[in-house]
């Protein structure tokens, strides 16, 4: 409901972008990390915001005024191109998530999301690929459209099969190739 008068650059921290569902349950649309931009639709649409951005941990943002950014785009078409490219990539990612929610099994959705997070933010070490995010089972469920209890059951199965290890601070993908086979 806030006015669309700024675009934000995340400098430090993690922000989740979510929307409320009809059942009152939030759906996490994206997790954003340092270097990510959000609120970019303000460039093309001055309607009030229809998503919620929540700081997941201590966060530093840079806010850029919409009018100033529009002036910058007029002076630098390359900037306009990059912003358009960002919007297209974000649209493609959302479309893929919708297809995933509609067409994949619950274990496949969790496996795919973990592999995406590992690709975007993972750190490879001797144990596998560490995803250094403090995602609880409820958050993971909100990312893939599942109840926390279902996520718990699936993660237990993945642990027993040697695919992942998880604690409150992180998730480690022990065997990415075998996890891909779940997808």
N, C-alpha and C. Protein backbone atom coordinates (compact mmCIF):
# COMPACT_ATOMS: atom_id res chain seq x y z
N UNK A 1 0.78 -1.20 0.00
CA UNK A 1 0.00 0.00 0.00
C UNK A 1 0.83 1.27 0.00
N UNK A 2 2.14 1.18 0.23
CA UNK A 2 2.99 2.37 0.20
C UNK A 2 3.08 2.91 -1.22
N UNK A 3 3.33 4.21 -1.34
CA UNK A 3 3.48 4.77 -2.70
C UNK A 3 4.72 4.20 -3.40
N UNK A 4 4.64 4.08 -4.71
CA UNK A 4 5.76 3.57 -5.51
C UNK A 4 6.62 4.75 -5.95
N UNK A 5 7.32 5.34 -4.99
CA UNK A 5 8.11 6.52 -5.32
C UNK A 5 9.62 6.32 -5.14
N UNK A 6 10.04 5.10 -4.80
CA UNK A 6 11.46 4.81 -4.65
C UNK A 6 11.76 3.40 -5.19
N UNK A 7 13.00 3.22 -5.62
CA UNK A 7 13.54 1.93 -5.98
C UNK A 7 14.67 1.69 -4.98
N UNK A 8 14.85 0.43 -4.58
CA UNK A 8 15.79 0.13 -3.50
C UNK A 8 16.91 -0.78 -3.97
N UNK A 9 18.11 -0.50 -3.47
CA UNK A 9 19.27 -1.35 -3.68
C UNK A 9 19.66 -1.90 -2.32
N UNK A 10 19.73 -3.21 -2.22
CA UNK A 10 20.10 -3.86 -0.98
C UNK A 10 21.62 -3.91 -0.88
N UNK A 11 22.15 -3.26 0.14
CA UNK A 11 23.60 -3.19 0.34
C UNK A 11 24.09 -4.27 1.30
N UNK A 12 23.35 -4.47 2.41
CA UNK A 12 23.74 -5.43 3.44
C UNK A 12 22.48 -6.11 3.94
N UNK A 13 22.55 -7.43 4.15
CA UNK A 13 21.43 -8.13 4.76
C UNK A 13 20.63 -8.95 3.76
N UNK A 14 19.48 -9.39 4.23
CA UNK A 14 18.57 -10.22 3.43
C UNK A 14 17.17 -9.63 3.56
N UNK A 15 16.46 -9.54 2.44
CA UNK A 15 15.09 -9.04 2.43
C UNK A 15 14.23 -10.09 1.74
N UNK A 16 13.06 -10.36 2.33
CA UNK A 16 12.14 -11.23 1.61
C UNK A 16 10.99 -10.41 1.06
N UNK A 17 10.61 -10.74 -0.16
CA UNK A 17 9.48 -10.10 -0.83
C UNK A 17 8.34 -11.10 -0.77
N UNK A 18 7.21 -10.67 -0.21
CA UNK A 18 6.10 -11.60 -0.04
C UNK A 18 4.78 -10.93 -0.37
N UNK A 19 3.78 -11.78 -0.47
CA UNK A 19 2.43 -11.32 -0.69
C UNK A 19 1.52 -12.18 0.17
N UNK A 20 0.46 -11.58 0.65
CA UNK A 20 -0.48 -12.33 1.48
C UNK A 20 -1.42 -13.14 0.62
N UNK A 21 -1.67 -14.37 1.02
CA UNK A 21 -2.60 -15.23 0.31
C UNK A 21 -4.01 -15.06 0.84
N UNK A 22 -4.96 -15.62 0.14
CA UNK A 22 -6.36 -15.53 0.54
C UNK A 22 -6.60 -16.20 1.90
N UNK A 23 -5.74 -17.19 2.22
CA UNK A 23 -5.89 -17.91 3.49
C UNK A 23 -5.16 -17.22 4.65
N UNK A 24 -4.61 -16.03 4.38
CA UNK A 24 -3.88 -15.30 5.41
C UNK A 24 -2.42 -15.72 5.52
N UNK A 25 -2.02 -16.72 4.77
CA UNK A 25 -0.64 -17.22 4.78
C UNK A 25 0.19 -16.42 3.78
N UNK A 26 1.33 -15.89 4.23
CA UNK A 26 2.22 -15.18 3.32
C UNK A 26 2.89 -16.17 2.37
N UNK A 27 3.11 -15.71 1.15
CA UNK A 27 3.88 -16.48 0.18
C UNK A 27 5.12 -15.68 -0.12
N UNK A 28 6.29 -16.27 0.11
CA UNK A 28 7.54 -15.60 -0.20
C UNK A 28 7.78 -15.71 -1.69
N UNK A 29 7.86 -14.57 -2.34
CA UNK A 29 8.09 -14.54 -3.78
C UNK A 29 9.57 -14.55 -4.12
N UNK A 30 10.37 -13.92 -3.26
CA UNK A 30 11.80 -13.84 -3.53
C UNK A 30 12.55 -13.55 -2.25
N UNK A 31 13.76 -14.07 -2.17
CA UNK A 31 14.72 -13.68 -1.14
C UNK A 31 15.79 -12.87 -1.85
N UNK A 32 16.06 -11.70 -1.33
CA UNK A 32 17.02 -10.80 -1.98
C UNK A 32 18.25 -10.64 -1.10
N UNK A 33 19.39 -10.46 -1.77
CA UNK A 33 20.68 -10.40 -1.09
C UNK A 33 21.44 -9.17 -1.57
N UNK A 34 22.55 -8.84 -0.91
CA UNK A 34 23.30 -7.64 -1.30
C UNK A 34 23.57 -7.59 -2.80
N UNK A 35 23.28 -6.42 -3.36
CA UNK A 35 23.43 -6.20 -4.79
C UNK A 35 22.11 -6.28 -5.53
N UNK A 36 21.09 -6.87 -4.89
CA UNK A 36 19.78 -6.98 -5.54
C UNK A 36 19.03 -5.66 -5.47
N UNK A 37 18.22 -5.43 -6.48
CA UNK A 37 17.38 -4.23 -6.58
C UNK A 37 15.93 -4.69 -6.46
N UNK A 38 15.10 -3.89 -5.79
CA UNK A 38 13.68 -4.21 -5.76
C UNK A 38 12.86 -2.94 -5.78
N UNK A 39 11.59 -3.09 -6.09
CA UNK A 39 10.71 -1.94 -6.24
C UNK A 39 10.82 -1.30 -7.61
N UNK A 40 11.45 -2.03 -8.56
CA UNK A 40 11.75 -1.44 -9.87
C UNK A 40 10.51 -1.17 -10.70
N UNK A 41 9.37 -1.77 -10.35
CA UNK A 41 8.14 -1.48 -11.10
C UNK A 41 7.70 -0.03 -10.92
N UNK A 42 8.25 0.66 -9.94
CA UNK A 42 7.93 2.07 -9.74
C UNK A 42 8.28 2.89 -10.99
N UNK A 43 9.19 2.40 -11.80
CA UNK A 43 9.58 3.13 -13.00
C UNK A 43 8.44 3.17 -14.01
N UNK A 44 7.67 2.08 -14.09
CA UNK A 44 6.63 2.00 -15.11
C UNK A 44 5.22 2.11 -14.54
N UNK A 45 5.08 2.06 -13.22
CA UNK A 45 3.76 2.03 -12.61
C UNK A 45 3.81 2.78 -11.28
N UNK A 46 2.98 3.80 -11.15
CA UNK A 46 3.00 4.55 -9.90
C UNK A 46 1.88 4.12 -8.95
N UNK A 47 1.31 2.92 -9.19
CA UNK A 47 0.30 2.39 -8.28
C UNK A 47 0.94 2.06 -6.93
N UNK A 48 0.14 2.02 -5.88
CA UNK A 48 0.70 1.64 -4.57
C UNK A 48 1.31 0.24 -4.63
N UNK A 49 2.28 0.00 -3.77
CA UNK A 49 2.97 -1.29 -3.72
C UNK A 49 1.96 -2.40 -3.39
N UNK A 50 2.14 -3.54 -4.03
CA UNK A 50 1.25 -4.67 -3.76
C UNK A 50 1.98 -5.87 -3.17
N UNK A 51 3.25 -5.69 -2.83
CA UNK A 51 4.03 -6.72 -2.16
C UNK A 51 4.66 -6.11 -0.91
N UNK A 52 5.09 -6.97 -0.01
CA UNK A 52 5.71 -6.53 1.22
C UNK A 52 7.18 -6.92 1.21
N UNK A 53 8.04 -5.96 1.53
CA UNK A 53 9.47 -6.24 1.68
C UNK A 53 9.76 -6.23 3.18
N UNK A 54 10.34 -7.34 3.66
CA UNK A 54 10.63 -7.47 5.08
C UNK A 54 12.11 -7.79 5.26
N UNK A 55 12.76 -7.02 6.13
CA UNK A 55 14.16 -7.30 6.44
C UNK A 55 14.22 -8.61 7.23
N UNK A 56 15.01 -9.53 6.74
CA UNK A 56 15.15 -10.84 7.34
C UNK A 56 16.22 -10.83 8.42
N UNK A 57 17.09 -9.85 8.36
CA UNK A 57 18.15 -9.64 9.33
C UNK A 57 18.54 -8.17 9.23
N UNK A 58 19.51 -7.72 10.02
CA UNK A 58 19.93 -6.32 9.94
C UNK A 58 20.27 -6.00 8.49
N UNK A 59 19.73 -4.88 8.00
CA UNK A 59 19.79 -4.58 6.57
C UNK A 59 20.13 -3.12 6.34
N UNK A 60 20.88 -2.87 5.28
CA UNK A 60 21.15 -1.51 4.82
C UNK A 60 20.67 -1.40 3.38
N UNK A 61 19.82 -0.40 3.13
CA UNK A 61 19.27 -0.16 1.80
C UNK A 61 19.67 1.21 1.31
N UNK A 62 19.78 1.34 0.00
CA UNK A 62 19.88 2.65 -0.64
C UNK A 62 18.55 2.87 -1.36
N UNK A 63 17.93 4.00 -1.12
CA UNK A 63 16.67 4.32 -1.78
C UNK A 63 16.94 5.38 -2.83
N UNK A 64 16.44 5.13 -4.03
CA UNK A 64 16.61 6.06 -5.13
C UNK A 64 15.24 6.58 -5.53
N UNK A 65 15.09 7.87 -5.51
CA UNK A 65 13.82 8.50 -5.86
C UNK A 65 13.44 8.17 -7.29
N UNK A 66 12.17 7.83 -7.49
CA UNK A 66 11.65 7.45 -8.81
C UNK A 66 11.90 8.53 -9.86
N UNK A 67 11.61 9.80 -9.53
CA UNK A 67 11.78 10.88 -10.51
C UNK A 67 13.24 11.04 -10.91
N UNK A 68 14.14 10.93 -9.92
CA UNK A 68 15.57 11.03 -10.22
C UNK A 68 16.02 9.88 -11.12
N UNK A 69 15.53 8.67 -10.82
CA UNK A 69 15.90 7.51 -11.64
C UNK A 69 15.37 7.67 -13.07
N UNK A 70 14.15 8.19 -13.23
CA UNK A 70 13.61 8.41 -14.58
C UNK A 70 14.47 9.41 -15.35
N UNK A 71 14.96 10.45 -14.67
CA UNK A 71 15.86 11.40 -15.32
C UNK A 71 17.15 10.71 -15.76
N UNK A 72 17.67 9.85 -14.88
CA UNK A 72 18.91 9.13 -15.20
C UNK A 72 18.71 8.20 -16.40
N UNK A 73 17.54 7.55 -16.48
CA UNK A 73 17.24 6.65 -17.60
C UNK A 73 17.17 7.45 -18.91
N UNK A 74 16.59 8.66 -18.86
CA UNK A 74 16.52 9.49 -20.06
C UNK A 74 17.91 9.90 -20.52
N UNK A 75 18.83 10.13 -19.59
CA UNK A 75 20.18 10.53 -19.94
C UNK A 75 21.06 9.34 -20.33
N UNK A 76 20.71 8.14 -19.86
CA UNK A 76 21.52 6.97 -20.15
C UNK A 76 20.63 5.79 -20.56
N UNK A 77 20.42 5.63 -21.85
CA UNK A 77 19.61 4.50 -22.31
C UNK A 77 20.16 3.15 -21.84
N UNK A 78 21.47 3.05 -21.64
CA UNK A 78 22.05 1.79 -21.16
C UNK A 78 21.50 1.43 -19.78
N UNK A 79 21.29 2.44 -18.94
CA UNK A 79 20.69 2.19 -17.62
C UNK A 79 19.26 1.69 -17.79
N UNK A 80 18.51 2.29 -18.68
CA UNK A 80 17.15 1.85 -18.94
C UNK A 80 17.12 0.41 -19.43
N UNK A 81 18.08 0.06 -20.28
CA UNK A 81 18.18 -1.31 -20.78
C UNK A 81 18.44 -2.28 -19.63
N UNK A 82 19.35 -1.93 -18.73
CA UNK A 82 19.67 -2.82 -17.61
C UNK A 82 18.47 -3.01 -16.69
N UNK A 83 17.72 -1.96 -16.46
CA UNK A 83 16.53 -2.05 -15.61
C UNK A 83 15.47 -2.93 -16.28
N UNK A 84 15.30 -2.75 -17.59
CA UNK A 84 14.35 -3.58 -18.34
C UNK A 84 14.79 -5.04 -18.30
N UNK A 85 16.06 -5.29 -18.43
CA UNK A 85 16.60 -6.64 -18.36
C UNK A 85 16.32 -7.25 -16.98
N UNK A 86 16.51 -6.47 -15.92
CA UNK A 86 16.23 -6.93 -14.56
C UNK A 86 14.76 -7.32 -14.42
N UNK A 87 13.87 -6.48 -14.94
CA UNK A 87 12.44 -6.80 -14.85
C UNK A 87 12.11 -8.07 -15.62
N UNK A 88 12.71 -8.25 -16.78
CA UNK A 88 12.48 -9.46 -17.56
C UNK A 88 12.97 -10.71 -16.84
N UNK A 89 14.15 -10.64 -16.24
CA UNK A 89 14.69 -11.77 -15.50
C UNK A 89 13.81 -12.11 -14.30
N UNK A 90 13.34 -11.09 -13.61
CA UNK A 90 12.48 -11.31 -12.45
C UNK A 90 11.14 -11.93 -12.90
N UNK A 91 10.60 -11.45 -14.00
CA UNK A 91 9.36 -12.01 -14.53
C UNK A 91 9.54 -13.48 -14.91
N UNK A 92 10.65 -13.80 -15.55
CA UNK A 92 10.94 -15.19 -15.92
C UNK A 92 11.03 -16.06 -14.68
N UNK A 93 11.70 -15.57 -13.64
CA UNK A 93 11.84 -16.35 -12.40
C UNK A 93 10.47 -16.59 -11.76
N UNK A 94 9.62 -15.56 -11.72
CA UNK A 94 8.28 -15.73 -11.14
C UNK A 94 7.44 -16.71 -11.97
N UNK A 95 7.55 -16.62 -13.29
CA UNK A 95 6.80 -17.53 -14.15
C UNK A 95 7.24 -18.98 -13.90
N UNK A 96 8.53 -19.19 -13.77
CA UNK A 96 9.06 -20.52 -13.49
C UNK A 96 8.55 -21.02 -12.14
N UNK A 97 8.50 -20.14 -11.15
CA UNK A 97 7.99 -20.54 -9.83
C UNK A 97 6.52 -20.93 -9.89
N UNK A 98 5.72 -20.19 -10.66
CA UNK A 98 4.30 -20.52 -10.79
C UNK A 98 4.16 -21.89 -11.46
N UNK A 99 4.91 -22.13 -12.53
CA UNK A 99 4.86 -23.43 -13.20
C UNK A 99 5.26 -24.55 -12.25
N UNK A 100 6.28 -24.27 -11.44
CA UNK A 100 6.75 -25.26 -10.47
C UNK A 100 5.67 -25.57 -9.44
N UNK A 101 5.01 -24.54 -8.94
CA UNK A 101 3.96 -24.75 -7.94
C UNK A 101 2.80 -25.55 -8.50
N UNK A 102 2.52 -25.36 -9.78
CA UNK A 102 1.38 -26.04 -10.39
C UNK A 102 1.69 -27.46 -10.86
N UNK A 103 2.94 -27.73 -11.24
CA UNK A 103 3.23 -28.96 -11.96
C UNK A 103 4.14 -29.96 -11.26
N UNK A 104 4.82 -29.57 -10.20
CA UNK A 104 5.79 -30.47 -9.58
C UNK A 104 5.28 -31.01 -8.26
N UNK A 105 5.81 -32.18 -7.90
CA UNK A 105 5.48 -32.77 -6.60
C UNK A 105 6.13 -31.94 -5.49
N UNK A 106 5.68 -32.16 -4.27
CA UNK A 106 6.23 -31.43 -3.13
C UNK A 106 7.73 -31.67 -2.98
N UNK A 107 8.23 -32.92 -3.00
CA UNK A 107 9.68 -33.11 -2.89
C UNK A 107 10.45 -32.45 -4.03
N UNK A 108 9.89 -32.48 -5.25
CA UNK A 108 10.56 -31.85 -6.39
C UNK A 108 10.64 -30.34 -6.20
N UNK A 109 9.59 -29.72 -5.65
CA UNK A 109 9.60 -28.27 -5.42
C UNK A 109 10.67 -27.90 -4.40
N UNK A 110 10.76 -28.67 -3.33
CA UNK A 110 11.78 -28.37 -2.32
C UNK A 110 13.18 -28.59 -2.89
N UNK A 111 13.38 -29.70 -3.59
CA UNK A 111 14.70 -29.98 -4.17
C UNK A 111 15.10 -28.88 -5.15
N UNK A 112 14.17 -28.48 -6.02
CA UNK A 112 14.47 -27.43 -7.00
C UNK A 112 14.81 -26.11 -6.32
N UNK A 113 14.04 -25.75 -5.30
CA UNK A 113 14.30 -24.50 -4.58
C UNK A 113 15.65 -24.54 -3.89
N UNK A 114 15.99 -25.66 -3.25
CA UNK A 114 17.30 -25.77 -2.60
C UNK A 114 18.43 -25.66 -3.62
N UNK A 115 18.26 -26.30 -4.77
CA UNK A 115 19.29 -26.21 -5.81
C UNK A 115 19.41 -24.79 -6.35
N UNK A 116 18.28 -24.08 -6.52
CA UNK A 116 18.32 -22.68 -6.95
C UNK A 116 19.04 -21.81 -5.93
N UNK A 117 18.72 -21.99 -4.66
CA UNK A 117 19.38 -21.22 -3.60
C UNK A 117 20.87 -21.52 -3.57
N UNK A 118 21.22 -22.78 -3.77
CA UNK A 118 22.64 -23.16 -3.80
C UNK A 118 23.34 -22.51 -4.99
N UNK A 119 22.66 -22.48 -6.12
CA UNK A 119 23.25 -21.87 -7.31
C UNK A 119 23.47 -20.37 -7.12
N UNK A 120 22.48 -19.71 -6.51
CA UNK A 120 22.55 -18.26 -6.34
C UNK A 120 23.46 -17.84 -5.18
N UNK A 121 23.43 -18.59 -4.07
CA UNK A 121 24.07 -18.11 -2.84
C UNK A 121 24.95 -19.14 -2.15
N UNK A 122 25.04 -20.34 -2.72
CA UNK A 122 25.76 -21.41 -2.06
C UNK A 122 27.26 -21.23 -2.06
N UNK A 123 27.88 -21.86 -1.06
CA UNK A 123 29.33 -21.85 -0.92
C UNK A 123 29.77 -23.31 -0.90
N UNK A 124 30.59 -23.68 -1.88
CA UNK A 124 31.05 -25.06 -1.98
C UNK A 124 32.15 -25.30 -0.95
N UNK A 125 32.03 -26.43 -0.23
CA UNK A 125 33.09 -26.84 0.68
C UNK A 125 33.21 -28.36 0.60
N UNK A 126 34.05 -28.95 1.48
CA UNK A 126 34.29 -30.40 1.42
C UNK A 126 33.03 -31.22 1.68
N UNK A 127 32.07 -30.65 2.43
CA UNK A 127 30.86 -31.39 2.79
C UNK A 127 29.79 -31.31 1.70
N UNK A 128 29.90 -30.38 0.78
CA UNK A 128 28.89 -30.20 -0.27
C UNK A 128 28.74 -28.73 -0.60
N UNK A 129 27.50 -28.28 -0.76
CA UNK A 129 27.22 -26.87 -1.03
C UNK A 129 26.42 -26.32 0.14
N UNK A 130 27.03 -25.38 0.84
CA UNK A 130 26.41 -24.76 2.00
C UNK A 130 25.56 -23.57 1.55
N UNK A 131 24.30 -23.56 1.97
CA UNK A 131 23.41 -22.42 1.73
C UNK A 131 23.35 -21.67 3.05
N UNK A 132 24.06 -20.55 3.15
CA UNK A 132 24.22 -19.88 4.45
C UNK A 132 23.06 -18.96 4.81
N UNK A 133 21.85 -19.48 4.72
CA UNK A 133 20.67 -18.68 5.02
C UNK A 133 19.98 -19.26 6.24
N UNK A 134 19.44 -18.39 7.05
CA UNK A 134 18.68 -18.86 8.20
C UNK A 134 17.22 -19.05 7.80
N UNK A 135 16.98 -20.03 6.95
CA UNK A 135 15.62 -20.35 6.52
C UNK A 135 15.06 -21.42 7.44
N UNK A 136 13.96 -21.12 8.10
CA UNK A 136 13.33 -22.18 8.86
C UNK A 136 12.39 -22.95 7.95
N UNK A 137 11.81 -24.02 8.47
CA UNK A 137 10.95 -24.85 7.64
C UNK A 137 9.71 -24.11 7.17
N UNK A 138 9.21 -23.20 8.00
CA UNK A 138 8.06 -22.38 7.59
C UNK A 138 8.41 -21.48 6.42
N UNK A 139 9.60 -20.86 6.46
CA UNK A 139 10.04 -20.01 5.36
C UNK A 139 10.19 -20.82 4.07
N UNK A 140 10.80 -21.99 4.19
CA UNK A 140 10.96 -22.83 3.01
C UNK A 140 9.59 -23.24 2.47
N UNK A 141 8.67 -23.54 3.36
CA UNK A 141 7.31 -23.86 2.95
C UNK A 141 6.65 -22.70 2.24
N UNK A 142 6.86 -21.48 2.74
CA UNK A 142 6.29 -20.28 2.10
C UNK A 142 6.90 -20.05 0.73
N UNK A 143 8.13 -20.48 0.53
CA UNK A 143 8.77 -20.34 -0.79
C UNK A 143 8.19 -21.31 -1.81
N UNK A 144 7.75 -22.47 -1.35
CA UNK A 144 7.33 -23.51 -2.30
C UNK A 144 5.85 -23.85 -2.20
N UNK A 145 5.12 -23.13 -1.36
CA UNK A 145 3.68 -23.36 -1.26
C UNK A 145 3.29 -24.62 -0.51
N UNK A 146 4.03 -24.92 0.55
CA UNK A 146 3.76 -26.12 1.35
C UNK A 146 3.67 -25.76 2.82
N UNK A 147 2.96 -26.59 3.57
CA UNK A 147 2.89 -26.42 5.02
C UNK A 147 4.24 -26.79 5.64
N UNK A 148 4.56 -26.17 6.78
CA UNK A 148 5.81 -26.44 7.48
C UNK A 148 5.95 -27.93 7.79
N UNK A 149 4.86 -28.57 8.17
CA UNK A 149 4.91 -29.98 8.52
C UNK A 149 5.31 -30.85 7.31
N UNK A 150 4.82 -30.49 6.15
CA UNK A 150 5.19 -31.22 4.93
C UNK A 150 6.66 -31.04 4.62
N UNK A 151 7.15 -29.81 4.78
CA UNK A 151 8.58 -29.53 4.56
C UNK A 151 9.41 -30.37 5.53
N UNK A 152 8.99 -30.45 6.79
CA UNK A 152 9.71 -31.22 7.79
C UNK A 152 9.83 -32.68 7.35
N UNK A 153 8.74 -33.28 6.92
CA UNK A 153 8.74 -34.68 6.50
C UNK A 153 9.68 -34.90 5.31
N UNK A 154 9.63 -33.98 4.34
CA UNK A 154 10.46 -34.11 3.13
C UNK A 154 11.93 -33.93 3.48
N UNK A 155 12.25 -32.95 4.32
CA UNK A 155 13.65 -32.74 4.70
C UNK A 155 14.19 -33.94 5.50
N UNK A 156 13.35 -34.53 6.34
CA UNK A 156 13.79 -35.74 7.06
C UNK A 156 14.12 -36.85 6.07
N UNK A 157 13.28 -37.02 5.06
CA UNK A 157 13.55 -38.02 4.03
C UNK A 157 14.85 -37.70 3.30
N UNK A 158 15.05 -36.43 2.93
CA UNK A 158 16.29 -36.04 2.24
C UNK A 158 17.50 -36.31 3.12
N UNK A 159 17.39 -36.05 4.44
CA UNK A 159 18.50 -36.31 5.37
C UNK A 159 18.80 -37.81 5.42
N UNK A 160 17.77 -38.62 5.55
CA UNK A 160 17.96 -40.08 5.63
C UNK A 160 18.59 -40.63 4.37
N UNK A 161 18.31 -40.02 3.24
CA UNK A 161 18.88 -40.47 1.97
C UNK A 161 20.26 -39.87 1.71
N UNK A 162 20.76 -39.02 2.63
CA UNK A 162 22.09 -38.43 2.49
C UNK A 162 22.16 -37.31 1.48
N UNK A 163 21.02 -36.68 1.19
CA UNK A 163 20.99 -35.60 0.21
C UNK A 163 21.30 -34.24 0.82
N UNK A 164 20.83 -34.00 2.04
CA UNK A 164 21.01 -32.70 2.70
C UNK A 164 21.29 -32.89 4.18
N UNK A 165 21.86 -31.85 4.77
CA UNK A 165 21.96 -31.69 6.22
C UNK A 165 21.43 -30.29 6.50
N UNK A 166 20.68 -30.14 7.56
CA UNK A 166 20.09 -28.83 7.87
C UNK A 166 20.14 -28.58 9.36
N UNK A 167 20.39 -27.31 9.72
CA UNK A 167 20.24 -26.87 11.10
C UNK A 167 19.60 -25.49 11.06
N UNK A 168 19.55 -24.81 12.18
CA UNK A 168 18.87 -23.51 12.24
C UNK A 168 19.61 -22.41 11.48
N UNK A 169 20.88 -22.59 11.22
CA UNK A 169 21.69 -21.55 10.59
C UNK A 169 21.88 -21.74 9.08
N UNK A 170 21.77 -22.98 8.61
CA UNK A 170 22.10 -23.22 7.21
C UNK A 170 21.57 -24.57 6.75
N UNK A 171 21.67 -24.76 5.44
CA UNK A 171 21.35 -26.04 4.82
C UNK A 171 22.56 -26.40 3.96
N UNK A 172 22.96 -27.66 4.03
CA UNK A 172 24.07 -28.13 3.20
C UNK A 172 23.55 -29.22 2.27
N UNK A 173 23.74 -29.02 0.99
CA UNK A 173 23.38 -30.04 0.01
C UNK A 173 24.57 -30.96 -0.10
N UNK A 174 24.40 -32.18 0.38
CA UNK A 174 25.49 -33.15 0.43
C UNK A 174 25.76 -33.77 -0.94
N UNK A 175 24.70 -34.01 -1.71
CA UNK A 175 24.84 -34.68 -2.99
C UNK A 175 23.94 -33.99 -4.03
N UNK A 176 24.44 -32.89 -4.62
CA UNK A 176 23.62 -32.12 -5.58
C UNK A 176 23.10 -32.95 -6.75
N UNK A 177 23.90 -33.88 -7.26
CA UNK A 177 23.47 -34.67 -8.41
C UNK A 177 22.29 -35.56 -8.07
N UNK A 178 22.34 -36.21 -6.92
CA UNK A 178 21.21 -37.05 -6.51
C UNK A 178 19.99 -36.20 -6.17
N UNK A 179 20.21 -34.99 -5.61
CA UNK A 179 19.07 -34.10 -5.32
C UNK A 179 18.42 -33.65 -6.63
N UNK A 180 19.23 -33.41 -7.67
CA UNK A 180 18.69 -33.04 -8.99
C UNK A 180 17.77 -34.13 -9.54
N UNK A 181 18.10 -35.38 -9.22
CA UNK A 181 17.28 -36.49 -9.72
C UNK A 181 15.87 -36.46 -9.11
N UNK A 182 15.71 -35.82 -7.95
CA UNK A 182 14.40 -35.69 -7.32
C UNK A 182 13.54 -34.71 -8.13
N UNK A 183 14.18 -33.71 -8.70
CA UNK A 183 13.47 -32.70 -9.47
C UNK A 183 12.93 -33.33 -10.74
